[in-house]
Amino acid sequence: MPAPDAFLDACDRAPHDTSAGPCELPILYRDASQFGVFFAVDLARARDVVGRERGVEPWPVFGRAFAAIYVWEYRDSTVGAYGELGLGVQCRRVGASPSLMTLARDMGAQDDQGIWVASLPVTTEAARVAGVDLWGFPKYVTSMETTFTTGEASVRLGDELTLRLPGPSGPTLAGQPVVTYTEKAGRLLRTRIDVDHRVQWGLGGGAHLELRADGPTTELARRLGLDRARIVAAFRTDGFRARLPAGRDLGRATR
């Protein structure tokens, strides 16, 4: 018998119904690599992508909004091995005033902030069904090629885009919880994903995004102006471990 895992075994799991059969939650991610690149974008563009009637809005910081592309290569999870790319906008609840200092210290500490998930392509149908049915994640199945070498991490998302990140070469810190907002059947869900790994940060120097053929993710990236946006930070980990639980229902998504 394998030794107990203090992080992955520290939760009770239960089946949840999906259109493809039951899926046990939390989904456990035992081994993966991840990188992410953050962009400062026009606030009006971010508002256009997030929408104005969901109860969340882009979080303005010095007149700008922040968007990010996240890339995962899941080698071992309870829903199998697959790849995933996420495009999100940092948001807050309408009327709320969360603290940037608290966000920097603990991304899961404030209930009134999270990442609005705008697009979340994956490489397997099992991952798509679970994400759409249980959280309302905007998932679709496509091809994805990821590389994680000593000097570079990169992704090619079908014919839509490529993203490359050298390094990074900054400090290595404990990973932060990931908090997402999604809409499912007209309800706003907030999901806190706890992690157990360390992350190396940098300023994203040398990162390069190329938007190629049209597609669901490139359409949103163009609306955000990511191909012209300033890169403000980047991170990478090759020891990604996480627990993805059911989301918390915050009520009707429209106001």
Foldseek 3Di string as FASTA:
>chain_A
DDDDDPPPPPDDWDWDQFPVGTDIAFKWQFFKKKKKWKFWFQQVLQCVLLDDFQQKGFDDDPRTWMKMKMKMFGCDISLHTKIKIWIWTKIFGPPDDDDPVVCVVAVPPDPGIAIETREMEMADPSVVRCCCGQANHRYDHFDKDWDDDQFKTKMDTHQFKIKIFGDDDADKAFDHWHWYWHAHPQWIWIWTKDKGFIKGKDQRPPMAMDTGDDDSVNVSCVSRVVNPTHTGMMMIDRGIIITTGGTDTPGGRGD
